[in-house]
Amino acid sequence: MFHVPEIRKNLVFVSLLSTKGFKIVLEFDMVIVTKTGLFVGNGYSCYHNLFLGFPLKFTFFLSK
């Protein structure tokens, strides 16, 4: 995940999450992110954008 202040949104690269061991499932308009079978976050698709909601413990999963 990268924070770009000028864009006012965080950018999530699916390929980067995948190399860190995350599993990303896109089904219909829903997105589910897991790591080693544990739920990490979810989101939805709207107007060709993915909106993801991650809990505060997400940085813990990135560090492993």
PDB file of N, CA and C in Angstrom:
ATOM      1  N   MET A   1       0.835  -1.156   0.000  1.00  0.00           N
ATOM      2  CA  MET A   1       0.000   0.000   0.000  1.00  0.00           C
ATOM      3  C   MET A   1       0.886   1.227   0.000  1.00  0.00           C
ATOM      4  N   PHE A   2       0.526   2.204  -0.762  1.00  0.00           N
ATOM      5  CA  PHE A   2       1.266   3.449  -0.812  1.00  0.00           C
ATOM      6  C   PHE A   2       0.326   4.618  -0.557  1.00  0.00           C
ATOM      7  N   HIS A   3       0.795   5.599   0.189  1.00  0.00           N
ATOM      8  CA  HIS A   3       0.005   6.795   0.449  1.00  0.00           C
ATOM      9  C   HIS A   3       0.541   7.918  -0.422  1.00  0.00           C
ATOM     10  N   VAL A   4      -0.327   8.469  -1.234  1.00  0.00           N
ATOM     11  CA  VAL A   4       0.041   9.582  -2.112  1.00  0.00           C
ATOM     12  C   VAL A   4      -0.855  10.758  -1.734  1.00  0.00           C
ATOM     13  N   PRO A   5      -0.324  11.734  -0.967  1.00  0.00           N
ATOM     14  CA  PRO A   5      -1.168  12.823  -0.463  1.00  0.00           C
ATOM     15  C   PRO A   5      -1.904  13.594  -1.551  1.00  0.00           C
ATOM     16  N   GLU A   6      -1.300  13.741  -2.712  1.00  0.00           N
ATOM     17  CA  GLU A   6      -1.941  14.508  -3.781  1.00  0.00           C
ATOM     18  C   GLU A   6      -3.198  13.821  -4.310  1.00  0.00           C
ATOM     19  N   ILE A   7      -3.257  12.512  -4.210  1.00  0.00           N
ATOM     20  CA  ILE A   7      -4.410  11.773  -4.733  1.00  0.00           C
ATOM     21  C   ILE A   7      -5.517  11.680  -3.686  1.00  0.00           C
ATOM     22  N   ARG A   8      -5.168  11.822  -2.413  1.00  0.00           N
ATOM     23  CA  ARG A   8      -6.104  11.711  -1.298  1.00  0.00           C
ATOM     24  C   ARG A   8      -6.635  10.299  -1.113  1.00  0.00           C
ATOM     25  N   LYS A   9      -5.976   9.308  -1.671  1.00  0.00           N
ATOM     26  CA  LYS A   9      -6.377   7.916  -1.500  1.00  0.00           C
ATOM     27  C   LYS A   9      -5.130   7.056  -1.402  1.00  0.00           C
ATOM     28  N   ASN A  10      -5.249   5.921  -0.752  1.00  0.00           N
ATOM     29  CA  ASN A  10      -4.153   4.963  -0.710  1.00  0.00           C
ATOM     30  C   ASN A  10      -4.254   4.052  -1.919  1.00  0.00           C
ATOM     31  N   LEU A  11      -3.120   3.733  -2.499  1.00  0.00           N
ATOM     32  CA  LEU A  11      -3.094   2.844  -3.655  1.00  0.00           C
ATOM     33  C   LEU A  11      -2.691   1.455  -3.197  1.00  0.00           C
ATOM     34  N   VAL A  12      -3.451   0.459  -3.609  1.00  0.00           N
ATOM     35  CA  VAL A  12      -3.162  -0.930  -3.249  1.00  0.00           C
ATOM     36  C   VAL A  12      -2.808  -1.683  -4.524  1.00  0.00           C
ATOM     37  N   PHE A  13      -1.635  -2.285  -4.538  1.00  0.00           N
ATOM     38  CA  PHE A  13      -1.203  -3.076  -5.682  1.00  0.00           C
ATOM     39  C   PHE A  13      -1.452  -4.547  -5.375  1.00  0.00           C
ATOM     40  N   VAL A  14      -2.360  -5.149  -6.123  1.00  0.00           N
ATOM     41  CA  VAL A  14      -2.729  -6.543  -5.888  1.00  0.00           C
ATOM     42  C   VAL A  14      -1.519  -7.455  -6.051  1.00  0.00           C
ATOM     43  N   SER A  15      -0.662  -7.175  -7.016  1.00  0.00           N
ATOM     44  CA  SER A  15       0.516  -8.021  -7.220  1.00  0.00           C
ATOM     45  C   SER A  15       1.447  -7.957  -6.009  1.00  0.00           C
ATOM     46  N   LEU A  16       1.575  -6.806  -5.372  1.00  0.00           N
ATOM     47  CA  LEU A  16       2.417  -6.687  -4.182  1.00  0.00           C
ATOM     48  C   LEU A  16       1.817  -7.473  -3.020  1.00  0.00           C
ATOM     49  N   LEU A  17       0.505  -7.362  -2.836  1.00  0.00           N
ATOM     50  CA  LEU A  17      -0.149  -8.143  -1.782  1.00  0.00           C
ATOM     51  C   LEU A  17       0.021  -9.627  -2.029  1.00  0.00           C
ATOM     52  N   SER A  18      -0.082 -10.041  -3.272  1.00  0.00           N
ATOM     53  CA  SER A  18       0.064 -11.452  -3.618  1.00  0.00           C
ATOM     54  C   SER A  18       1.458 -11.969  -3.284  1.00  0.00           C
ATOM     55  N   THR A  19       2.491 -11.177  -3.568  1.00  0.00           N
ATOM     56  CA  THR A  19       3.851 -11.624  -3.257  1.00  0.00           C
ATOM     57  C   THR A  19       4.103 -11.677  -1.755  1.00  0.00           C
ATOM     58  N   LYS A  20       3.312 -10.956  -0.971  1.00  0.00           N
ATOM     59  CA  LYS A  20       3.426 -10.983   0.488  1.00  0.00           C
ATOM     60  C   LYS A  20       2.581 -12.095   1.114  1.00  0.00           C
ATOM     61  N   GLY A  21       1.946 -12.927   0.269  1.00  0.00           N
ATOM     62  CA  GLY A  21       1.194 -14.065   0.782  1.00  0.00           C
ATOM     63  C   GLY A  21      -0.292 -13.832   0.974  1.00  0.00           C
ATOM     64  N   PHE A  22      -0.801 -12.728   0.473  1.00  0.00           N
ATOM     65  CA  PHE A  22      -2.227 -12.460   0.603  1.00  0.00           C
ATOM     66  C   PHE A  22      -2.987 -13.146  -0.522  1.00  0.00           C
ATOM     67  N   LYS A  23      -4.224 -13.520  -0.238  1.00  0.00           N
ATOM     68  CA  LYS A  23      -5.108 -14.088  -1.251  1.00  0.00           C
ATOM     69  C   LYS A  23      -6.218 -13.073  -1.490  1.00  0.00           C
ATOM     70  N   ILE A  24      -6.377 -12.665  -2.742  1.00  0.00           N
ATOM     71  CA  ILE A  24      -7.379 -11.677  -3.115  1.00  0.00           C
ATOM     72  C   ILE A  24      -8.426 -12.359  -3.977  1.00  0.00           C
ATOM     73  N   VAL A  25      -9.669 -12.330  -3.535  1.00  0.00           N
ATOM     74  CA  VAL A  25     -10.766 -12.961  -4.270  1.00  0.00           C
ATOM     75  C   VAL A  25     -11.701 -11.863  -4.762  1.00  0.00           C
ATOM     76  N   LEU A  26     -11.878 -11.802  -6.075  1.00  0.00           N
ATOM     77  CA  LEU A  26     -12.820 -10.863  -6.695  1.00  0.00           C
ATOM     78  C   LEU A  26     -14.010 -11.676  -7.190  1.00  0.00           C
ATOM     79  N   GLU A  27     -15.166 -11.396  -6.638  1.00  0.00           N
ATOM     80  CA  GLU A  27     -16.361 -12.137  -7.028  1.00  0.00           C
ATOM     81  C   GLU A  27     -17.530 -11.169  -7.091  1.00  0.00           C
ATOM     82  N   PHE A  28     -18.142 -11.091  -8.261  1.00  0.00           N
ATOM     83  CA  PHE A  28     -19.215 -10.131  -8.515  1.00  0.00           C
ATOM     84  C   PHE A  28     -18.667  -8.728  -8.247  1.00  0.00           C
ATOM     85  N   ASP A  29     -19.249  -7.980  -7.349  1.00  0.00           N
ATOM     86  CA  ASP A  29     -18.758  -6.645  -7.021  1.00  0.00           C
ATOM     87  C   ASP A  29     -18.072  -6.616  -5.650  1.00  0.00           C
ATOM     88  N   MET A  30     -17.683  -7.773  -5.133  1.00  0.00           N
ATOM     89  CA  MET A  30     -17.077  -7.854  -3.808  1.00  0.00           C
ATOM     90  C   MET A  30     -15.618  -8.272  -3.893  1.00  0.00           C
ATOM     91  N   VAL A  31     -14.811  -7.807  -2.940  1.00  0.00           N
ATOM     92  CA  VAL A  31     -13.401  -8.157  -2.827  1.00  0.00           C
ATOM     93  C   VAL A  31     -13.177  -8.661  -1.410  1.00  0.00           C
ATOM     94  N   ILE A  32     -12.499  -9.812  -1.285  1.00  0.00           N
ATOM     95  CA  ILE A  32     -12.161 -10.352   0.027  1.00  0.00           C
ATOM     96  C   ILE A  32     -10.664 -10.618   0.056  1.00  0.00           C
ATOM     97  N   VAL A  33      -9.993 -10.135   1.111  1.00  0.00           N
ATOM     98  CA  VAL A  33      -8.549 -10.312   1.257  1.00  0.00           C
ATOM     99  C   VAL A  33      -8.299 -11.161   2.495  1.00  0.00           C
ATOM    100  N   THR A  34      -7.515 -12.243   2.319  1.00  0.00           N
ATOM    101  CA  THR A  34      -7.152 -13.124   3.429  1.00  0.00           C
ATOM    102  C   THR A  34      -5.649 -13.392   3.394  1.00  0.00           C
ATOM    103  N   LYS A  35      -5.128 -13.853   4.529  1.00  0.00           N
ATOM    104  CA  LYS A  35      -3.735 -14.286   4.590  1.00  0.00           C
ATOM    105  C   LYS A  35      -3.682 -15.475   5.524  1.00  0.00           C
ATOM    106  N   THR A  36      -3.129 -16.558   5.031  1.00  0.00           N
ATOM    107  CA  THR A  36      -3.050 -17.842   5.746  1.00  0.00           C
ATOM    108  C   THR A  36      -4.396 -18.226   6.350  1.00  0.00           C
ATOM    109  N   GLY A  37      -5.453 -18.001   5.591  1.00  0.00           N
ATOM    110  CA  GLY A  37      -6.786 -18.390   6.018  1.00  0.00           C
ATOM    111  C   GLY A  37      -7.469 -17.414   6.955  1.00  0.00           C
ATOM    112  N   LEU A  38      -6.794 -16.345   7.354  1.00  0.00           N
ATOM    113  CA  LEU A  38      -7.389 -15.355   8.251  1.00  0.00           C
ATOM    114  C   LEU A  38      -7.933 -14.179   7.459  1.00  0.00           C
ATOM    115  N   PHE A  39      -9.118 -13.745   7.821  1.00  0.00           N
ATOM    116  CA  PHE A  39      -9.739 -12.589   7.171  1.00  0.00           C
ATOM    117  C   PHE A  39      -8.935 -11.335   7.483  1.00  0.00           C
ATOM    118  N   VAL A  40      -8.598 -10.564   6.449  1.00  0.00           N
ATOM    119  CA  VAL A  40      -7.839  -9.329   6.621  1.00  0.00           C
ATOM    120  C   VAL A  40      -8.698  -8.114   6.322  1.00  0.00           C
ATOM    121  N   GLY A  41      -9.467  -8.157   5.244  1.00  0.00           N
ATOM    122  CA  GLY A  41     -10.304  -7.021   4.889  1.00  0.00           C
ATOM    123  C   GLY A  41     -11.198  -7.362   3.717  1.00  0.00           C
ATOM    124  N   ASN A  42     -12.106  -6.444   3.415  1.00  0.00           N
ATOM    125  CA  ASN A  42     -12.990  -6.651   2.277  1.00  0.00           C
ATOM    126  C   ASN A  42     -13.307  -5.305   1.634  1.00  0.00           C
ATOM    127  N   GLY A  43     -14.029  -5.363   0.550  1.00  0.00           N
ATOM    128  CA  GLY A  43     -14.371  -4.135  -0.148  1.00  0.00           C
ATOM    129  C   GLY A  43     -15.395  -4.403  -1.232  1.00  0.00           C
ATOM    130  N   TYR A  44     -15.597  -3.408  -2.067  1.00  0.00           N
ATOM    131  CA  TYR A  44     -16.585  -3.523  -3.132  1.00  0.00           C
ATOM    132  C   TYR A  44     -16.119  -2.727  -4.343  1.00  0.00           C
ATOM    133  N   SER A  45     -16.729  -3.006  -5.464  1.00  0.00           N
ATOM    134  CA  SER A  45     -16.434  -2.316  -6.706  1.00  0.00           C
ATOM    135  C   SER A  45     -17.574  -1.370  -7.034  1.00  0.00           C
ATOM    136  N   CYS A  46     -17.195  -0.147  -7.427  1.00  0.00           N
ATOM    137  CA  CYS A  46     -18.197   0.848  -7.780  1.00  0.00           C
ATOM    138  C   CYS A  46     -17.584   1.798  -8.798  1.00  0.00           C
ATOM    139  N   TYR A  47     -18.215   1.939  -9.941  1.00  0.00           N
ATOM    140  CA  TYR A  47     -17.741   2.837 -10.993  1.00  0.00           C
ATOM    141  C   TYR A  47     -16.288   2.546 -11.384  1.00  0.00           C
ATOM    142  N   HIS A  48     -15.966   1.288 -11.570  1.00  0.00           N
ATOM    143  CA  HIS A  48     -14.649   0.826 -12.018  1.00  0.00           C
ATOM    144  C   HIS A  48     -13.535   1.093 -11.011  1.00  0.00           C
ATOM    145  N   ASN A  49     -13.860   1.311  -9.755  1.00  0.00           N
ATOM    146  CA  ASN A  49     -12.883   1.475  -8.691  1.00  0.00           C
ATOM    147  C   ASN A  49     -13.137   0.434  -7.620  1.00  0.00           C
ATOM    148  N   LEU A  50     -12.075  -0.012  -6.959  1.00  0.00           N
ATOM    149  CA  LEU A  50     -12.218  -0.908  -5.816  1.00  0.00           C
ATOM    150  C   LEU A  50     -12.060  -0.095  -4.547  1.00  0.00           C
ATOM    151  N   PHE A  51     -13.008  -0.226  -3.650  1.00  0.00           N
ATOM    152  CA  PHE A  51     -12.949   0.439  -2.357  1.00  0.00           C
ATOM    153  C   PHE A  51     -12.739  -0.627  -1.303  1.00  0.00           C
ATOM    154  N   LEU A  52     -11.591  -0.564  -0.627  1.00  0.00           N
ATOM    155  CA  LEU A  52     -11.229  -1.575   0.349  1.00  0.00           C
ATOM    156  C   LEU A  52     -11.256  -0.988   1.750  1.00  0.00           C
ATOM    157  N   GLY A  53     -11.693  -1.805   2.691  1.00  0.00           N
ATOM    158  CA  GLY A  53     -11.674  -1.414   4.098  1.00  0.00           C
ATOM    159  C   GLY A  53     -10.810  -2.391   4.871  1.00  0.00           C
ATOM    160  N   PHE A  54      -9.728  -1.873   5.436  1.00  0.00           N
ATOM    161  CA  PHE A  54      -8.831  -2.717   6.217  1.00  0.00           C
ATOM    162  C   PHE A  54      -8.846  -2.251   7.657  1.00  0.00           C
ATOM    163  N   PRO A  55      -8.894  -3.191   8.608  1.00  0.00           N
ATOM    164  CA  PRO A  55      -8.818  -2.795  10.019  1.00  0.00           C
ATOM    165  C   PRO A  55      -7.410  -2.286  10.353  1.00  0.00           C
ATOM    166  N   LEU A  56      -7.269  -1.700  11.509  1.00  0.00           N
ATOM    167  CA  LEU A  56      -5.971  -1.151  11.919  1.00  0.00           C
ATOM    168  C   LEU A  56      -4.885  -2.207  12.014  1.00  0.00           C
ATOM    169  N   LYS A  57      -5.242  -3.453  12.259  1.00  0.00           N
ATOM    170  CA  LYS A  57      -4.242  -4.509  12.381  1.00  0.00           C
ATOM    171  C   LYS A  57      -3.664  -4.928  11.031  1.00  0.00           C
ATOM    172  N   PHE A  58      -4.062  -4.296   9.934  1.00  0.00           N
ATOM    173  CA  PHE A  58      -3.573  -4.649   8.609  1.00  0.00           C
ATOM    174  C   PHE A  58      -2.062  -4.510   8.530  1.00  0.00           C
ATOM    175  N   THR A  59      -1.473  -3.513   9.174  1.00  0.00           N
ATOM    176  CA  THR A  59      -0.021  -3.333   9.117  1.00  0.00           C
ATOM    177  C   THR A  59       0.690  -4.512   9.770  1.00  0.00           C
ATOM    178  N   PHE A  60       0.045  -5.169  10.713  1.00  0.00           N
ATOM    179  CA  PHE A  60       0.619  -6.371  11.324  1.00  0.00           C
ATOM    180  C   PHE A  60       0.781  -7.471  10.283  1.00  0.00           C
ATOM    181  N   PHE A  61      -0.217  -7.641   9.428  1.00  0.00           N
ATOM    182  CA  PHE A  61      -0.148  -8.660   8.388  1.00  0.00           C
ATOM    183  C   PHE A  61       0.915  -8.332   7.356  1.00  0.00           C
ATOM    184  N   LEU A  62       1.123  -7.054   7.061  1.00  0.00           N
ATOM    185  CA  LEU A  62       2.132  -6.676   6.071  1.00  0.00           C
ATOM    186  C   LEU A  62       3.537  -6.938   6.569  1.00  0.00           C
ATOM    187  N   SER A  63       3.747  -6.829   7.877  1.00  0.00           N
ATOM    188  CA  SER A  63       5.097  -6.975   8.418  1.00  0.00           C
ATOM    189  C   SER A  63       5.548  -8.431   8.477  1.00  0.00           C
ATOM    190  N   LYS A  64       4.630  -9.370   8.370  1.00  0.00           N
ATOM    191  CA  LYS A  64       5.004 -10.793   8.442  1.00  0.00           C
ATOM    192  C   LYS A  64       5.405 -11.335   7.102  1.00  0.00           C
TER     193      LYS A  64
END
